[in-house]
Amino acid sequence: MTSAASVGGDERLRLFLGLRVPERWGLAVARWQEQELGGGGRIVPREHLHVTLAFLGSRPRGDLPAVVGALANAVVAAAERPVLEMERYRETRAAGMLVLRDEGGRATALAGDLQERLERLGVYRREARPWLPHITVLRYRRPPRLRPPLPGAGTLVPSDAAAYLSRLHPSGARYEVLHLCSLPDPK
């Protein structure tokens, strides 16, 4: 854990688990964000780009070891690294995202396994809608109704998954990696 000293004993943590975006891929998306999304809202910083596997919300700090253990066990159980391709840009009521195509369903299987493990721990409840692999790239109050071309970042093959701490700020949430788990080597 990188920041054990920054979270107190009885403190509640706003947690989520996600696939980290490799730096080269993130830089390509960041350039695209500046060129295509500028003025449409608040751009998500490159260092915050990720694919959410499970958002737990506010949890007691004491849940963190079990949550990290569930992430580690799900990653170990994964047969191969996910391979994700950009499919389309989509806007919801509060966020613009890059929707990803999940080659072979590996990211979906990892998310499903992880979410099941978290449910058994009693720290998570699945959403009614199916999990959608995506990366949030823009936040706004009203949808800007953009239709940008997709970035030329290529295939996304994450090398690790992380447990993140999310701290809310007036300028937007700030994420801190609390624990990393390496994904299986590519075959």
Protein backbone atom coordinates (compact mmCIF):
# COMPACT_ATOMS: atom_id res chain seq x y z
CA MET A 1 0.00 0.00 0.00
CA THR A 2 1.47 3.30 -1.04
CA SER A 3 -0.27 5.62 1.37
CA ALA A 4 -1.10 3.78 4.57
CA ALA A 5 -0.07 6.84 6.57
CA SER A 6 -2.61 9.00 4.72
CA VAL A 7 -5.68 7.06 5.82
CA GLY A 8 -6.62 6.94 9.48
CA GLY A 9 -7.99 4.01 11.50
CA ASP A 10 -11.71 4.87 11.59
CA GLU A 11 -11.74 6.87 8.38
CA ARG A 12 -14.11 5.99 5.56
CA LEU A 13 -12.54 5.61 2.14
CA ARG A 14 -14.15 6.25 -1.23
CA LEU A 15 -12.86 3.22 -3.13
CA PHE A 16 -12.93 1.79 -6.61
CA LEU A 17 -11.01 -0.91 -8.44
CA GLY A 18 -9.85 -0.53 -12.01
CA LEU A 19 -7.50 -1.39 -14.83
CA ARG A 20 -4.71 1.13 -15.17
CA VAL A 21 -4.04 2.70 -18.56
CA PRO A 22 -0.45 2.32 -19.85
CA GLU A 23 1.36 5.66 -20.09
CA ARG A 24 1.88 5.67 -23.88
CA TRP A 25 -1.80 4.95 -24.46
CA GLY A 26 -2.83 7.56 -21.91
CA LEU A 27 -0.65 10.22 -23.55
CA ALA A 28 -2.27 9.57 -26.94
CA VAL A 29 -5.75 9.89 -25.39
CA ALA A 30 -4.71 13.06 -23.53
CA ARG A 31 -3.61 14.69 -26.81
CA TRP A 32 -6.94 13.69 -28.38
CA GLN A 33 -8.86 15.10 -25.39
CA GLU A 34 -7.18 18.48 -25.81
CA GLN A 35 -7.82 18.58 -29.56
CA GLU A 36 -11.36 17.16 -29.68
CA LEU A 37 -12.99 17.73 -26.28
CA GLY A 38 -11.71 21.16 -25.27
CA GLY A 39 -14.51 23.45 -24.18
CA GLY A 40 -16.97 20.56 -23.82
CA GLY A 41 -16.52 20.29 -20.06
CA ARG A 42 -13.83 19.24 -17.59
CA ILE A 43 -11.28 16.90 -19.20
CA VAL A 44 -10.30 13.92 -17.04
CA PRO A 45 -6.51 14.20 -16.47
CA ARG A 46 -4.29 11.58 -18.12
CA GLU A 47 -3.15 10.20 -14.76
CA HIS A 48 -6.81 9.49 -13.84
CA LEU A 49 -7.71 7.53 -16.97
CA HIS A 50 -8.72 3.96 -16.06
CA VAL A 51 -11.29 1.25 -16.74
CA THR A 52 -13.44 0.84 -13.62
CA LEU A 53 -13.97 -2.79 -12.61
CA ALA A 54 -16.04 -2.02 -9.49
CA PHE A 55 -16.96 1.20 -7.66
CA LEU A 56 -17.42 0.51 -3.96
CA GLY A 57 -18.11 4.05 -2.78
CA SER A 58 -17.59 4.96 0.86
CA ARG A 59 -16.24 2.01 2.88
CA PRO A 60 -14.71 1.72 6.35
CA ARG A 61 -10.91 1.67 6.19
CA GLY A 62 -11.01 -1.77 7.82
CA ASP A 63 -12.53 -3.21 4.60
CA LEU A 64 -9.44 -2.30 2.57
CA PRO A 65 -7.37 -5.49 3.19
CA ALA A 66 -10.27 -7.75 2.16
CA VAL A 67 -11.01 -5.60 -0.91
CA VAL A 68 -7.36 -5.70 -1.97
CA GLY A 69 -7.34 -9.45 -1.36
CA ALA A 70 -10.38 -9.90 -3.62
CA LEU A 71 -8.66 -7.86 -6.34
CA ALA A 72 -5.45 -9.89 -6.04
CA ASN A 73 -7.35 -13.20 -6.15
CA ALA A 74 -9.39 -12.14 -9.20
CA VAL A 75 -6.23 -11.04 -11.00
CA VAL A 76 -4.47 -14.33 -10.18
CA ALA A 77 -7.51 -16.24 -11.48
CA ALA A 78 -7.45 -14.34 -14.80
CA ALA A 79 -6.01 -16.53 -17.52
CA GLU A 80 -4.88 -13.68 -19.77
CA ARG A 81 -4.60 -9.90 -19.85
CA PRO A 82 -7.59 -8.04 -21.23
CA VAL A 83 -7.25 -6.60 -24.73
CA LEU A 84 -9.48 -3.60 -25.37
CA GLU A 85 -10.19 -1.66 -28.56
CA MET A 86 -11.94 1.69 -28.87
CA GLU A 87 -15.43 1.26 -30.24
CA ARG A 88 -17.16 4.64 -29.90
CA TYR A 89 -17.50 7.89 -28.00
CA ARG A 90 -20.63 8.09 -25.82
CA GLU A 91 -22.17 10.79 -23.65
CA THR A 92 -24.29 10.16 -20.57
CA ARG A 93 -26.00 12.86 -18.51
CA ALA A 94 -22.74 13.70 -16.68
CA ALA A 95 -19.80 12.15 -18.53
CA GLY A 96 -18.26 11.55 -21.94
CA MET A 97 -16.56 8.19 -22.37
CA LEU A 98 -14.69 5.98 -24.75
CA VAL A 99 -16.59 2.70 -24.92
CA LEU A 100 -14.26 -0.24 -25.40
CA ARG A 101 -14.69 -3.54 -27.21
CA ASP A 102 -13.49 -6.40 -25.00
CA GLU A 103 -11.62 -8.88 -27.20
CA GLY A 104 -12.38 -12.40 -26.01
CA GLY A 105 -14.42 -11.07 -23.05
CA ARG A 106 -11.40 -11.17 -20.71
CA ALA A 107 -12.03 -7.78 -19.07
CA THR A 108 -15.71 -8.67 -18.62
CA ALA A 109 -14.76 -12.00 -17.02
CA LEU A 110 -12.28 -10.28 -14.70
CA ALA A 111 -14.86 -7.64 -13.69
CA GLY A 112 -17.51 -10.32 -13.12
CA ASP A 113 -15.21 -12.49 -11.01
CA LEU A 114 -14.07 -9.50 -8.96
CA GLN A 115 -17.60 -8.22 -8.42
CA GLU A 116 -18.74 -11.68 -7.29
CA ARG A 117 -15.85 -11.88 -4.79
CA LEU A 118 -16.71 -8.42 -3.45
CA GLU A 119 -20.39 -9.34 -3.11
CA ARG A 120 -19.47 -12.45 -1.09
CA LEU A 121 -17.48 -10.17 1.23
CA GLY A 122 -20.55 -7.95 1.65
CA VAL A 123 -18.74 -4.80 0.47
CA TYR A 124 -20.30 -4.42 -2.97
CA ARG A 125 -23.61 -4.73 -4.79
CA ARG A 126 -23.69 -5.12 -8.56
CA GLU A 127 -25.53 -2.63 -10.71
CA ALA A 128 -28.63 -3.87 -12.52
CA ARG A 129 -27.17 -2.99 -15.92
CA PRO A 130 -24.38 -5.09 -17.41
CA TRP A 131 -20.79 -3.96 -16.89
CA LEU A 132 -19.56 -1.79 -19.78
CA PRO A 133 -15.83 -1.46 -20.39
CA HIS A 134 -15.16 2.25 -20.86
CA ILE A 135 -12.86 5.11 -19.95
CA THR A 136 -14.38 8.37 -18.75
CA VAL A 137 -12.64 11.20 -20.59
CA LEU A 138 -14.89 14.20 -19.92
CA ARG A 139 -17.20 15.45 -17.14
CA TYR A 140 -19.83 18.17 -17.56
CA ARG A 141 -23.07 19.62 -16.17
CA ARG A 142 -24.92 19.32 -19.50
CA PRO A 143 -23.97 16.99 -22.35
CA PRO A 144 -22.05 18.99 -24.98
CA ARG A 145 -23.29 16.61 -27.72
CA LEU A 146 -19.86 16.12 -29.21
CA ARG A 147 -19.18 13.71 -32.06
CA PRO A 148 -15.40 13.47 -32.05
CA PRO A 149 -13.44 10.97 -34.09
CA LEU A 150 -11.86 8.23 -32.01
CA PRO A 151 -8.30 8.78 -30.82
CA GLY A 152 -5.56 6.90 -32.62
CA ALA A 153 -4.20 5.35 -29.44
CA GLY A 154 -4.33 1.74 -30.67
CA THR A 155 -5.06 -1.34 -28.61
CA LEU A 156 -5.25 -1.01 -24.83
CA VAL A 157 -3.55 -3.90 -23.01
CA PRO A 158 -3.38 -3.00 -19.30
CA SER A 159 -0.50 -4.48 -17.32
CA ASP A 160 -2.06 -4.05 -13.90
CA ALA A 161 -5.19 -3.48 -11.87
CA ALA A 162 -5.36 -1.12 -8.91
CA ALA A 163 -7.30 -0.29 -5.78
CA TYR A 164 -7.89 3.46 -5.88
CA LEU A 165 -8.77 6.02 -3.26
CA SER A 166 -10.98 8.78 -4.66
CA ARG A 167 -10.96 12.13 -2.88
CA LEU A 168 -13.60 14.64 -3.93
CA HIS A 169 -12.48 18.23 -4.62
CA PRO A 170 -14.23 21.25 -6.14
CA SER A 171 -12.03 20.87 -9.24
CA GLY A 172 -12.93 17.17 -9.60
CA ALA A 173 -12.09 13.88 -7.94
CA ARG A 174 -8.43 13.04 -7.35
CA TYR A 175 -7.33 9.44 -7.41
CA GLU A 176 -4.55 7.77 -5.49
CA VAL A 177 -3.38 4.21 -6.10
CA LEU A 178 -3.44 2.29 -2.82
CA HIS A 179 -2.43 -1.12 -4.18
CA LEU A 180 -1.33 -2.58 -7.54
CA CYS A 181 -1.77 -6.12 -8.85
CA SER A 182 0.10 -7.20 -11.99
CA LEU A 183 -2.02 -8.89 -14.63
CA PRO A 184 -0.82 -12.15 -16.24
CA ASP A 185 1.86 -11.77 -18.90
CA PRO A 186 0.50 -11.68 -22.46
CA LYS A 187 0.50 -15.05 -24.22
